[in-house]
């Protein structure tokens, strides 16, 4: 029997629920960026972007690595793979142990 994968955490869905965070993820598709480079792409304050990055990190969608004084953010693609597999699982037909048959009554 195949082991079931754990469904994505609520933190993943929370992180994806905000348009700005989805735009940050789109920006990071081109590779790792510093928090300053990310902040420069948006018309939001630095604390706002910092909070968005914290939510993305909490959801596991990005990883952060300090290099000197800069913090680089990068997509964590394994979480995206897990999320996609979770959604694909919804599309597979549900198998029941025994097909149920309903009796039809004839008039």
PDB file of N, CA and C in Angstrom:
ATOM      1  N   UNK A   1       0.847  -1.182   0.000  1.00  0.00           N
ATOM      2  CA  UNK A   1       0.000   0.000   0.000  1.00  0.00           C
ATOM      3  C   UNK A   1       0.892   1.245   0.000  1.00  0.00           C
ATOM      4  N   UNK A   2       0.551   2.199  -0.818  1.00  0.00           N
ATOM      5  CA  UNK A   2       1.315   3.438  -0.880  1.00  0.00           C
ATOM      6  C   UNK A   2       1.087   4.282   0.357  1.00  0.00           C
ATOM      7  N   UNK A   3       2.164   4.889   0.833  1.00  0.00           N
ATOM      8  CA  UNK A   3       2.018   5.805   1.967  1.00  0.00           C
ATOM      9  C   UNK A   3       1.364   7.091   1.473  1.00  0.00           C
ATOM     10  N   UNK A   4       0.441   7.585   2.234  1.00  0.00           N
ATOM     11  CA  UNK A   4      -0.233   8.833   1.856  1.00  0.00           C
ATOM     12  C   UNK A   4       0.651  10.012   2.180  1.00  0.00           C
ATOM     13  N   UNK A   5       0.699  10.941   1.271  1.00  0.00           N
ATOM     14  CA  UNK A   5       1.424  12.180   1.515  1.00  0.00           C
ATOM     15  C   UNK A   5       0.610  13.049   2.438  1.00  0.00           C
ATOM     16  N   UNK A   6       1.320  13.783   3.248  1.00  0.00           N
ATOM     17  CA  UNK A   6       0.640  14.728   4.133  1.00  0.00           C
ATOM     18  C   UNK A   6       0.105  15.891   3.310  1.00  0.00           C
ATOM     19  N   UNK A   7      -1.126  16.298   3.542  1.00  0.00           N
ATOM     20  CA  UNK A   7      -1.649  17.442   2.784  1.00  0.00           C
ATOM     21  C   UNK A   7      -0.886  18.712   3.158  1.00  0.00           C
ATOM     22  N   UNK A   8      -0.866  19.682   2.243  1.00  0.00           N
ATOM     23  CA  UNK A   8      -0.187  20.948   2.543  1.00  0.00           C
ATOM     24  C   UNK A   8      -0.773  21.599   3.798  1.00  0.00           C
ATOM     25  N   UNK A   9       0.066  22.283   4.518  1.00  0.00           N
ATOM     26  CA  UNK A   9      -0.391  22.937   5.739  1.00  0.00           C
ATOM     27  C   UNK A   9      -1.257  24.148   5.412  1.00  0.00           C
ATOM     28  N   UNK A  10      -2.017  24.584   6.387  1.00  0.00           N
ATOM     29  CA  UNK A  10      -2.824  25.788   6.208  1.00  0.00           C
ATOM     30  C   UNK A  10      -1.942  27.001   5.928  1.00  0.00           C
ATOM     31  N   UNK A  11      -0.706  26.977   6.435  1.00  0.00           N
ATOM     32  CA  UNK A  11       0.207  28.097   6.213  1.00  0.00           C
ATOM     33  C   UNK A  11       0.526  28.267   4.726  1.00  0.00           C
ATOM     34  N   UNK A  12       0.548  27.168   3.977  1.00  0.00           N
ATOM     35  CA  UNK A  12       0.798  27.260   2.529  1.00  0.00           C
ATOM     36  C   UNK A  12      -0.353  28.000   1.861  1.00  0.00           C
ATOM     37  N   UNK A  13      -1.570  27.616   2.185  1.00  0.00           N
ATOM     38  CA  UNK A  13      -2.740  28.251   1.572  1.00  0.00           C
ATOM     39  C   UNK A  13      -2.866  29.709   2.015  1.00  0.00           C
ATOM     40  N   UNK A  14      -2.535  29.984   3.269  1.00  0.00           N
ATOM     41  CA  UNK A  14      -2.564  31.363   3.755  1.00  0.00           C
ATOM     42  C   UNK A  14      -1.575  32.217   2.963  1.00  0.00           C
ATOM     43  N   UNK A  15      -0.384  31.668   2.736  1.00  0.00           N
ATOM     44  CA  UNK A  15       0.643  32.404   1.999  1.00  0.00           C
ATOM     45  C   UNK A  15       0.201  32.675   0.563  1.00  0.00           C
ATOM     46  N   UNK A  16      -0.459  31.723  -0.047  1.00  0.00           N
ATOM     47  CA  UNK A  16      -0.886  31.875  -1.442  1.00  0.00           C
ATOM     48  C   UNK A  16      -2.138  32.736  -1.594  1.00  0.00           C
ATOM     49  N   UNK A  17      -2.819  33.036  -0.501  1.00  0.00           N
ATOM     50  CA  UNK A  17      -4.083  33.765  -0.567  1.00  0.00           C
ATOM     51  C   UNK A  17      -3.916  35.237  -0.904  1.00  0.00           C
ATOM     52  N   UNK A  18      -2.713  35.763  -0.765  1.00  0.00           N
ATOM     53  CA  UNK A  18      -2.502  37.191  -0.976  1.00  0.00           C
ATOM     54  C   UNK A  18      -1.831  37.452  -2.327  1.00  0.00           C
ATOM     55  N   UNK A  19      -2.365  38.417  -3.067  1.00  0.00           N
ATOM     56  CA  UNK A  19      -1.844  38.717  -4.402  1.00  0.00           C
ATOM     57  C   UNK A  19      -0.392  39.194  -4.371  1.00  0.00           C
ATOM     58  N   UNK A  20      -0.032  40.024  -3.407  1.00  0.00           N
ATOM     59  CA  UNK A  20       1.348  40.512  -3.325  1.00  0.00           C
ATOM     60  C   UNK A  20       2.311  39.352  -3.102  1.00  0.00           C
ATOM     61  N   UNK A  21       1.935  38.409  -2.258  1.00  0.00           N
ATOM     62  CA  UNK A  21       2.811  37.258  -2.027  1.00  0.00           C
ATOM     63  C   UNK A  21       2.935  36.408  -3.284  1.00  0.00           C
ATOM     64  N   UNK A  22       1.852  36.262  -4.032  1.00  0.00           N
ATOM     65  CA  UNK A  22       1.944  35.520  -5.296  1.00  0.00           C
ATOM     66  C   UNK A  22       2.846  36.254  -6.279  1.00  0.00           C
ATOM     67  N   UNK A  23       2.810  37.582  -6.273  1.00  0.00           N
ATOM     68  CA  UNK A  23       3.700  38.358  -7.144  1.00  0.00           C
ATOM     69  C   UNK A  23       5.159  38.203  -6.716  1.00  0.00           C
ATOM     70  N   UNK A  24       5.403  38.138  -5.421  1.00  0.00           N
ATOM     71  CA  UNK A  24       6.767  37.899  -4.927  1.00  0.00           C
ATOM     72  C   UNK A  24       7.249  36.536  -5.414  1.00  0.00           C
ATOM     73  N   UNK A  25       6.405  35.529  -5.324  1.00  0.00           N
ATOM     74  CA  UNK A  25       6.780  34.195  -5.803  1.00  0.00           C
ATOM     75  C   UNK A  25       7.086  34.218  -7.294  1.00  0.00           C
ATOM     76  N   UNK A  26       6.280  34.936  -8.053  1.00  0.00           N
ATOM     77  CA  UNK A  26       6.515  35.073  -9.495  1.00  0.00           C
ATOM     78  C   UNK A  26       7.873  35.737  -9.745  1.00  0.00           C
ATOM     79  N   UNK A  27       8.194  36.768  -8.996  1.00  0.00           N
ATOM     80  CA  UNK A  27       9.472  37.471  -9.131  1.00  0.00           C
ATOM     81  C   UNK A  27      10.643  36.533  -8.828  1.00  0.00           C
ATOM     82  N   UNK A  28      10.466  35.651  -7.849  1.00  0.00           N
ATOM     83  CA  UNK A  28      11.540  34.742  -7.457  1.00  0.00           C
ATOM     84  C   UNK A  28      11.737  33.579  -8.431  1.00  0.00           C
ATOM     85  N   UNK A  29      10.861  33.443  -9.413  1.00  0.00           N
ATOM     86  CA  UNK A  29      11.022  32.386 -10.417  1.00  0.00           C
ATOM     87  C   UNK A  29      12.334  32.542 -11.175  1.00  0.00           C
ATOM     88  N   UNK A  30      12.818  33.768 -11.304  1.00  0.00           N
ATOM     89  CA  UNK A  30      14.049  34.007 -12.058  1.00  0.00           C
ATOM     90  C   UNK A  30      15.304  33.710 -11.239  1.00  0.00           C
ATOM     91  N   UNK A  31      15.130  33.387  -9.963  1.00  0.00           N
ATOM     92  CA  UNK A  31      16.281  33.029  -9.138  1.00  0.00           C
ATOM     93  C   UNK A  31      16.276  33.768  -7.823  1.00  0.00           C
ATOM     94  N   UNK A  32      17.258  33.459  -6.968  1.00  0.00           N
ATOM     95  CA  UNK A  32      17.330  34.085  -5.643  1.00  0.00           C
ATOM     96  C   UNK A  32      17.478  35.600  -5.741  1.00  0.00           C
ATOM     97  N   UNK A  33      16.834  36.292  -4.833  1.00  0.00           N
ATOM     98  CA  UNK A  33      16.887  37.763  -4.775  1.00  0.00           C
ATOM     99  C   UNK A  33      17.050  38.196  -3.333  1.00  0.00           C
ATOM    100  N   UNK A  34      17.669  39.341  -3.155  1.00  0.00           N
ATOM    101  CA  UNK A  34      17.786  39.890  -1.803  1.00  0.00           C
ATOM    102  C   UNK A  34      16.450  40.501  -1.406  1.00  0.00           C
ATOM    103  N   UNK A  35      16.275  40.669  -0.115  1.00  0.00           N
ATOM    104  CA  UNK A  35      15.037  41.282   0.362  1.00  0.00           C
ATOM    105  C   UNK A  35      14.902  42.696  -0.200  1.00  0.00           C
ATOM    106  N   UNK A  36      16.009  43.408  -0.356  1.00  0.00           N
ATOM    107  CA  UNK A  36      15.971  44.756  -0.938  1.00  0.00           C
ATOM    108  C   UNK A  36      15.518  44.746  -2.383  1.00  0.00           C
ATOM    109  N   UNK A  37      16.014  43.771  -3.163  1.00  0.00           N
ATOM    110  CA  UNK A  37      15.588  43.656  -4.562  1.00  0.00           C
ATOM    111  C   UNK A  37      14.101  43.352  -4.653  1.00  0.00           C
ATOM    112  N   UNK A  38      13.631  42.523  -3.749  1.00  0.00           N
ATOM    113  CA  UNK A  38      12.200  42.195  -3.738  1.00  0.00           C
ATOM    114  C   UNK A  38      11.385  43.432  -3.381  1.00  0.00           C
ATOM    115  N   UNK A  39      11.802  44.133  -2.337  1.00  0.00           N
ATOM    116  CA  UNK A  39      11.069  45.322  -1.881  1.00  0.00           C
ATOM    117  C   UNK A  39      11.012  46.392  -2.966  1.00  0.00           C
ATOM    118  N   UNK A  40      12.076  46.508  -3.763  1.00  0.00           N
ATOM    119  CA  UNK A  40      12.119  47.521  -4.829  1.00  0.00           C
ATOM    120  C   UNK A  40      11.071  47.279  -5.912  1.00  0.00           C
ATOM    121  N   UNK A  41      10.538  46.076  -5.997  1.00  0.00           N
ATOM    122  CA  UNK A  41       9.553  45.741  -7.038  1.00  0.00           C
ATOM    123  C   UNK A  41       8.132  46.167  -6.682  1.00  0.00           C
ATOM    124  N   UNK A  42       7.923  46.611  -5.434  1.00  0.00           N
ATOM    125  CA  UNK A  42       6.571  46.876  -4.965  1.00  0.00           C
ATOM    126  C   UNK A  42       6.446  48.281  -4.403  1.00  0.00           C
ATOM    127  N   UNK A  43       5.227  48.784  -4.412  1.00  0.00           N
ATOM    128  CA  UNK A  43       4.927  50.113  -3.876  1.00  0.00           C
ATOM    129  C   UNK A  43       4.461  50.017  -2.433  1.00  0.00           C
ATOM    130  N   UNK A  44       5.001  49.054  -1.712  1.00  0.00           N
ATOM    131  CA  UNK A  44       4.651  48.868  -0.306  1.00  0.00           C
ATOM    132  C   UNK A  44       5.841  49.255   0.553  1.00  0.00           C
ATOM    133  N   UNK A  45       5.571  49.495   1.816  1.00  0.00           N
ATOM    134  CA  UNK A  45       6.657  49.841   2.730  1.00  0.00           C
ATOM    135  C   UNK A  45       7.534  48.617   2.988  1.00  0.00           C
ATOM    136  N   UNK A  46       8.752  48.873   3.436  1.00  0.00           N
ATOM    137  CA  UNK A  46       9.662  47.775   3.745  1.00  0.00           C
ATOM    138  C   UNK A  46       9.077  46.835   4.807  1.00  0.00           C
ATOM    139  N   UNK A  47       8.483  47.350   5.911  1.00  0.00           N
ATOM    140  CA  UNK A  47       7.898  46.430   6.901  1.00  0.00           C
ATOM    141  C   UNK A  47       6.789  45.539   6.320  1.00  0.00           C
ATOM    142  N   UNK A  48       6.020  46.072   5.385  1.00  0.00           N
ATOM    143  CA  UNK A  48       4.954  45.285   4.762  1.00  0.00           C
ATOM    144  C   UNK A  48       5.553  44.135   3.956  1.00  0.00           C
ATOM    145  N   UNK A  49       6.566  44.418   3.159  1.00  0.00           N
ATOM    146  CA  UNK A  49       7.218  43.376   2.363  1.00  0.00           C
ATOM    147  C   UNK A  49       7.876  42.356   3.289  1.00  0.00           C
ATOM    148  N   UNK A  50       8.473  42.836   4.358  1.00  0.00           N
ATOM    149  CA  UNK A  50       9.106  41.942   5.322  1.00  0.00           C
ATOM    150  C   UNK A  50       8.088  40.975   5.919  1.00  0.00           C
ATOM    151  N   UNK A  51       6.888  41.463   6.234  1.00  0.00           N
ATOM    152  CA  UNK A  51       5.830  40.592   6.760  1.00  0.00           C
ATOM    153  C   UNK A  51       5.384  39.583   5.713  1.00  0.00           C
ATOM    154  N   UNK A  52       5.273  40.027   4.457  1.00  0.00           N
ATOM    155  CA  UNK A  52       4.915  39.091   3.380  1.00  0.00           C
ATOM    156  C   UNK A  52       5.962  37.984   3.262  1.00  0.00           C
ATOM    157  N   UNK A  53       7.227  38.348   3.331  1.00  0.00           N
ATOM    158  CA  UNK A  53       8.295  37.355   3.240  1.00  0.00           C
ATOM    159  C   UNK A  53       8.243  36.389   4.421  1.00  0.00           C
ATOM    160  N   UNK A  54       7.903  36.893   5.598  1.00  0.00           N
ATOM    161  CA  UNK A  54       7.782  36.034   6.781  1.00  0.00           C
ATOM    162  C   UNK A  54       6.655  35.023   6.608  1.00  0.00           C
ATOM    163  N   UNK A  55       5.546  35.443   6.017  1.00  0.00           N
ATOM    164  CA  UNK A  55       4.423  34.529   5.786  1.00  0.00           C
ATOM    165  C   UNK A  55       4.816  33.466   4.755  1.00  0.00           C
ATOM    166  N   UNK A  56       5.532  33.884   3.718  1.00  0.00           N
ATOM    167  CA  UNK A  56       5.998  32.928   2.704  1.00  0.00           C
ATOM    168  C   UNK A  56       6.968  31.917   3.311  1.00  0.00           C
ATOM    169  N   UNK A  57       7.824  32.380   4.199  1.00  0.00           N
ATOM    170  CA  UNK A  57       8.753  31.474   4.877  1.00  0.00           C
ATOM    171  C   UNK A  57       7.999  30.526   5.801  1.00  0.00           C
ATOM    172  N   UNK A  58       7.015  31.031   6.523  1.00  0.00           N
ATOM    173  CA  UNK A  58       6.231  30.186   7.434  1.00  0.00           C
ATOM    174  C   UNK A  58       5.506  29.082   6.661  1.00  0.00           C
ATOM    175  N   UNK A  59       5.084  29.384   5.454  1.00  0.00           N
ATOM    176  CA  UNK A  59       4.420  28.389   4.612  1.00  0.00           C
ATOM    177  C   UNK A  59       5.395  27.458   3.923  1.00  0.00           C
ATOM    178  N   UNK A  60       6.677  27.744   4.047  1.00  0.00           N
ATOM    179  CA  UNK A  60       7.691  26.908   3.426  1.00  0.00           C
ATOM    180  C   UNK A  60       7.859  27.143   1.942  1.00  0.00           C
ATOM    181  N   UNK A  61       7.218  28.185   1.418  1.00  0.00           N
ATOM    182  CA  UNK A  61       7.282  28.443  -0.020  1.00  0.00           C
ATOM    183  C   UNK A  61       8.592  29.084  -0.452  1.00  0.00           C
ATOM    184  N   UNK A  62       9.260  29.743   0.471  1.00  0.00           N
ATOM    185  CA  UNK A  62      10.577  30.318   0.184  1.00  0.00           C
ATOM    186  C   UNK A  62      11.533  29.942   1.311  1.00  0.00           C
ATOM    187  N   UNK A  63      12.793  29.930   0.972  1.00  0.00           N
ATOM    188  CA  UNK A  63      13.840  29.744   1.975  1.00  0.00           C
ATOM    189  C   UNK A  63      14.709  30.989   1.945  1.00  0.00           C
ATOM    190  N   UNK A  64      15.263  31.318   3.099  1.00  0.00           N
ATOM    191  CA  UNK A  64      16.096  32.511   3.221  1.00  0.00           C
ATOM    192  C   UNK A  64      17.497  32.086   3.644  1.00  0.00           C
ATOM    193  N   UNK A  65      18.482  32.749   3.051  1.00  0.00           N
ATOM    194  CA  UNK A  65      19.872  32.470   3.409  1.00  0.00           C
ATOM    195  C   UNK A  65      20.611  33.790   3.534  1.00  0.00           C
ATOM    196  N   UNK A  66      21.256  33.950   4.664  1.00  0.00           N
ATOM    197  CA  UNK A  66      22.029  35.170   4.891  1.00  0.00           C
ATOM    198  C   UNK A  66      23.396  35.007   4.243  1.00  0.00           C
ATOM    199  N   UNK A  67      23.778  36.017   3.474  1.00  0.00           N
ATOM    200  CA  UNK A  67      25.115  36.079   2.872  1.00  0.00           C
ATOM    201  C   UNK A  67      25.671  37.449   3.204  1.00  0.00           C
ATOM    202  N   UNK A  68      26.505  37.499   4.213  1.00  0.00           N
ATOM    203  CA  UNK A  68      26.999  38.786   4.691  1.00  0.00           C
ATOM    204  C   UNK A  68      25.855  39.538   5.333  1.00  0.00           C
ATOM    205  N   UNK A  69      25.647  40.765   4.864  1.00  0.00           N
ATOM    206  CA  UNK A  69      24.553  41.562   5.424  1.00  0.00           C
ATOM    207  C   UNK A  69      23.243  41.386   4.664  1.00  0.00           C
ATOM    208  N   UNK A  70      23.304  40.714   3.527  1.00  0.00           N
ATOM    209  CA  UNK A  70      22.110  40.535   2.705  1.00  0.00           C
ATOM    210  C   UNK A  70      21.436  39.201   3.015  1.00  0.00           C
ATOM    211  N   UNK A  71      20.111  39.195   2.905  1.00  0.00           N
ATOM    212  CA  UNK A  71      19.341  37.961   3.030  1.00  0.00           C
ATOM    213  C   UNK A  71      18.767  37.659   1.654  1.00  0.00           C
ATOM    214  N   UNK A  72      19.094  36.491   1.139  1.00  0.00           N
ATOM    215  CA  UNK A  72      18.603  36.067  -0.158  1.00  0.00           C
ATOM    216  C   UNK A  72      17.413  35.134   0.030  1.00  0.00           C
ATOM    217  N   UNK A  73      16.377  35.356  -0.768  1.00  0.00           N
ATOM    218  CA  UNK A  73      15.181  34.526  -0.742  1.00  0.00           C
ATOM    219  C   UNK A  73      15.120  33.737  -2.041  1.00  0.00           C
ATOM    220  N   UNK A  74      14.689  32.492  -1.908  1.00  0.00           N
ATOM    221  CA  UNK A  74      14.620  31.597  -3.060  1.00  0.00           C
ATOM    222  C   UNK A  74      13.389  30.716  -2.930  1.00  0.00           C
ATOM    223  N   UNK A  75      12.798  30.336  -4.071  1.00  0.00           N
ATOM    224  CA  UNK A  75      11.632  29.450  -4.047  1.00  0.00           C
ATOM    225  C   UNK A  75      12.025  28.087  -3.493  1.00  0.00           C
ATOM    226  N   UNK A  76      11.145  27.508  -2.714  1.00  0.00           N
ATOM    227  CA  UNK A  76      11.305  26.140  -2.234  1.00  0.00           C
ATOM    228  C   UNK A  76      10.398  25.273  -3.092  1.00  0.00           C
ATOM    229  N   UNK A  77      10.948  24.768  -4.183  1.00  0.00           N
ATOM    230  CA  UNK A  77      10.122  24.081  -5.179  1.00  0.00           C
ATOM    231  C   UNK A  77       9.524  22.775  -4.669  1.00  0.00           C
ATOM    232  N   UNK A  78      10.111  22.166  -3.658  1.00  0.00           N
ATOM    233  CA  UNK A  78       9.547  20.901  -3.165  1.00  0.00           C
ATOM    234  C   UNK A  78       8.151  21.117  -2.579  1.00  0.00           C
ATOM    235  N   UNK A  79       7.903  22.256  -1.969  1.00  0.00           N
ATOM    236  CA  UNK A  79       6.571  22.538  -1.431  1.00  0.00           C
ATOM    237  C   UNK A  79       5.568  22.691  -2.568  1.00  0.00           C
ATOM    238  N   UNK A  80       5.995  23.304  -3.658  1.00  0.00           N
ATOM    239  CA  UNK A  80       5.113  23.444  -4.822  1.00  0.00           C
ATOM    240  C   UNK A  80       4.804  22.075  -5.425  1.00  0.00           C
ATOM    241  N   UNK A  81       5.791  21.208  -5.476  1.00  0.00           N
ATOM    242  CA  UNK A  81       5.557  19.856  -5.991  1.00  0.00           C
ATOM    243  C   UNK A  81       4.555  19.115  -5.126  1.00  0.00           C
ATOM    244  N   UNK A  82       4.696  19.222  -3.816  1.00  0.00           N
ATOM    245  CA  UNK A  82       3.746  18.583  -2.902  1.00  0.00           C
ATOM    246  C   UNK A  82       2.340  19.145  -3.087  1.00  0.00           C
ATOM    247  N   UNK A  83       2.250  20.452  -3.264  1.00  0.00           N
ATOM    248  CA  UNK A  83       0.950  21.102  -3.455  1.00  0.00           C
ATOM    249  C   UNK A  83       0.285  20.621  -4.741  1.00  0.00           C
ATOM    250  N   UNK A  84       1.051  20.522  -5.808  1.00  0.00           N
ATOM    251  CA  UNK A  84       0.507  20.055  -7.086  1.00  0.00           C
ATOM    252  C   UNK A  84       0.035  18.614  -6.963  1.00  0.00           C
ATOM    253  N   UNK A  85       0.824  17.767  -6.319  1.00  0.00           N
ATOM    254  CA  UNK A  85       0.412  16.379  -6.144  1.00  0.00           C
ATOM    255  C   UNK A  85      -0.856  16.282  -5.300  1.00  0.00           C
ATOM    256  N   UNK A  86      -0.983  17.167  -4.333  1.00  0.00           N
ATOM    257  CA  UNK A  86      -2.194  17.197  -3.510  1.00  0.00           C
ATOM    258  C   UNK A  86      -3.414  17.515  -4.384  1.00  0.00           C
ATOM    259  N   UNK A  87      -3.291  18.517  -5.246  1.00  0.00           N
ATOM    260  CA  UNK A  87      -4.407  18.889  -6.118  1.00  0.00           C
ATOM    261  C   UNK A  87      -4.710  17.794  -7.134  1.00  0.00           C
ATOM    262  N   UNK A  88      -3.687  17.175  -7.682  1.00  0.00           N
ATOM    263  CA  UNK A  88      -3.896  16.092  -8.640  1.00  0.00           C
ATOM    264  C   UNK A  88      -4.645  14.940  -7.962  1.00  0.00           C
ATOM    265  N   UNK A  89      -4.342  14.714  -6.705  1.00  0.00           N
ATOM    266  CA  UNK A  89      -5.038  13.671  -5.953  1.00  0.00           C
ATOM    267  C   UNK A  89      -6.532  13.917  -5.871  1.00  0.00           C
ATOM    268  N   UNK A  90      -6.929  15.168  -5.874  1.00  0.00           N
ATOM    269  CA  UNK A  90      -8.353  15.494  -5.854  1.00  0.00           C
ATOM    270  C   UNK A  90      -9.024  15.102  -7.165  1.00  0.00           C
ATOM    271  N   UNK A  91      -8.255  15.059  -8.218  1.00  0.00           N
ATOM    272  CA  UNK A  91      -8.831  14.788  -9.535  1.00  0.00           C
ATOM    273  C   UNK A  91      -8.965  13.297  -9.817  1.00  0.00           C
ATOM    274  N   UNK A  92      -8.249  12.475  -9.077  1.00  0.00           N
ATOM    275  CA  UNK A  92      -8.353  11.033  -9.272  1.00  0.00           C
ATOM    276  C   UNK A  92      -9.712  10.569  -8.770  1.00  0.00           C
ATOM    277  N   UNK A  93     -10.303   9.617  -9.453  1.00  0.00           N
ATOM    278  CA  UNK A  93     -11.603   9.131  -8.982  1.00  0.00           C
ATOM    279  C   UNK A  93     -11.464   8.475  -7.618  1.00  0.00           C
ATOM    280  N   UNK A  94     -12.445   8.713  -6.794  1.00  0.00           N
ATOM    281  CA  UNK A  94     -12.472   8.136  -5.458  1.00  0.00           C
ATOM    282  C   UNK A  94     -12.864   6.675  -5.580  1.00  0.00           C
ATOM    283  N   UNK A  95     -12.056   5.805  -5.018  1.00  0.00           N
ATOM    284  CA  UNK A  95     -12.360   4.373  -5.083  1.00  0.00           C
ATOM    285  C   UNK A  95     -13.058   3.943  -3.805  1.00  0.00           C
ATOM    286  N   UNK A  96     -14.148   3.285  -3.992  1.00  0.00           N
ATOM    287  CA  UNK A  96     -14.877   2.747  -2.853  1.00  0.00           C
ATOM    288  C   UNK A  96     -14.513   1.270  -2.719  1.00  0.00           C
ATOM    289  N   UNK A  97     -14.611   0.750  -1.527  1.00  0.00           N
ATOM    290  CA  UNK A  97     -14.253  -0.653  -1.314  1.00  0.00           C
ATOM    291  C   UNK A  97     -15.197  -1.581  -2.083  1.00  0.00           C
ATOM    292  N   UNK A  98     -16.453  -1.253  -2.134  1.00  0.00           N
ATOM    293  CA  UNK A  98     -17.412  -2.055  -2.890  1.00  0.00           C
ATOM    294  C   UNK A  98     -18.402  -1.098  -3.536  1.00  0.00           C
ATOM    295  N   UNK A  99     -18.641  -1.276  -4.817  1.00  0.00           N
ATOM    296  CA  UNK A  99     -19.595  -0.369  -5.462  1.00  0.00           C
ATOM    297  C   UNK A  99     -20.985  -0.551  -4.864  1.00  0.00           C
ATOM    298  N   UNK A 100     -21.585   0.557  -4.569  1.00  0.00           N
ATOM    299  CA  UNK A 100     -22.942   0.469  -4.010  1.00  0.00           C
ATOM    300  C   UNK A 100     -23.946   0.507  -5.136  1.00  0.00           C
ATOM    301  N   UNK A 101     -24.938  -0.343  -5.022  1.00  0.00           N
ATOM    302  CA  UNK A 101     -25.982  -0.389  -6.052  1.00  0.00           C
ATOM    303  C   UNK A 101     -27.291   0.019  -5.406  1.00  0.00           C
ATOM    304  N   UNK A 102     -27.957   0.864  -6.071  1.00  0.00           N
ATOM    305  CA  UNK A 102     -29.276   1.286  -5.575  1.00  0.00           C
ATOM    306  C   UNK A 102     -30.334   0.477  -6.327  1.00  0.00           C
ATOM    307  N   UNK A 103     -31.249   0.043  -5.580  1.00  0.00           N
ATOM    308  CA  UNK A 103     -32.360  -0.681  -6.214  1.00  0.00           C
ATOM    309  C   UNK A 103     -33.324   0.322  -6.797  1.00  0.00           C
ATOM    310  N   UNK A 104     -33.736   0.050  -7.968  1.00  0.00           N
ATOM    311  CA  UNK A 104     -34.752   0.915  -8.561  1.00  0.00           C
ATOM    312  C   UNK A 104     -36.108   0.248  -8.386  1.00  0.00           C
ATOM    313  N   UNK A 105     -37.056   1.053  -8.057  1.00  0.00           N
ATOM    314  CA  UNK A 105     -38.400   0.515  -7.882  1.00  0.00           C
ATOM    315  C   UNK A 105     -39.173   0.736  -9.164  1.00  0.00           C
ATOM    316  N   UNK A 106     -39.747  -0.351  -9.620  1.00  0.00           N
ATOM    317  CA  UNK A 106     -40.538  -0.238 -10.839  1.00  0.00           C
ATOM    318  C   UNK A 106     -41.995  -0.047 -10.466  1.00  0.00           C
ATOM    319  N   UNK A 107     -42.667   0.763 -11.180  1.00  0.00           N
ATOM    320  CA  UNK A 107     -44.062   1.055 -10.884  1.00  0.00           C
ATOM    321  C   UNK A 107     -44.989   0.054 -11.469  1.00  0.00           C
TER     322      UNK A 107
END
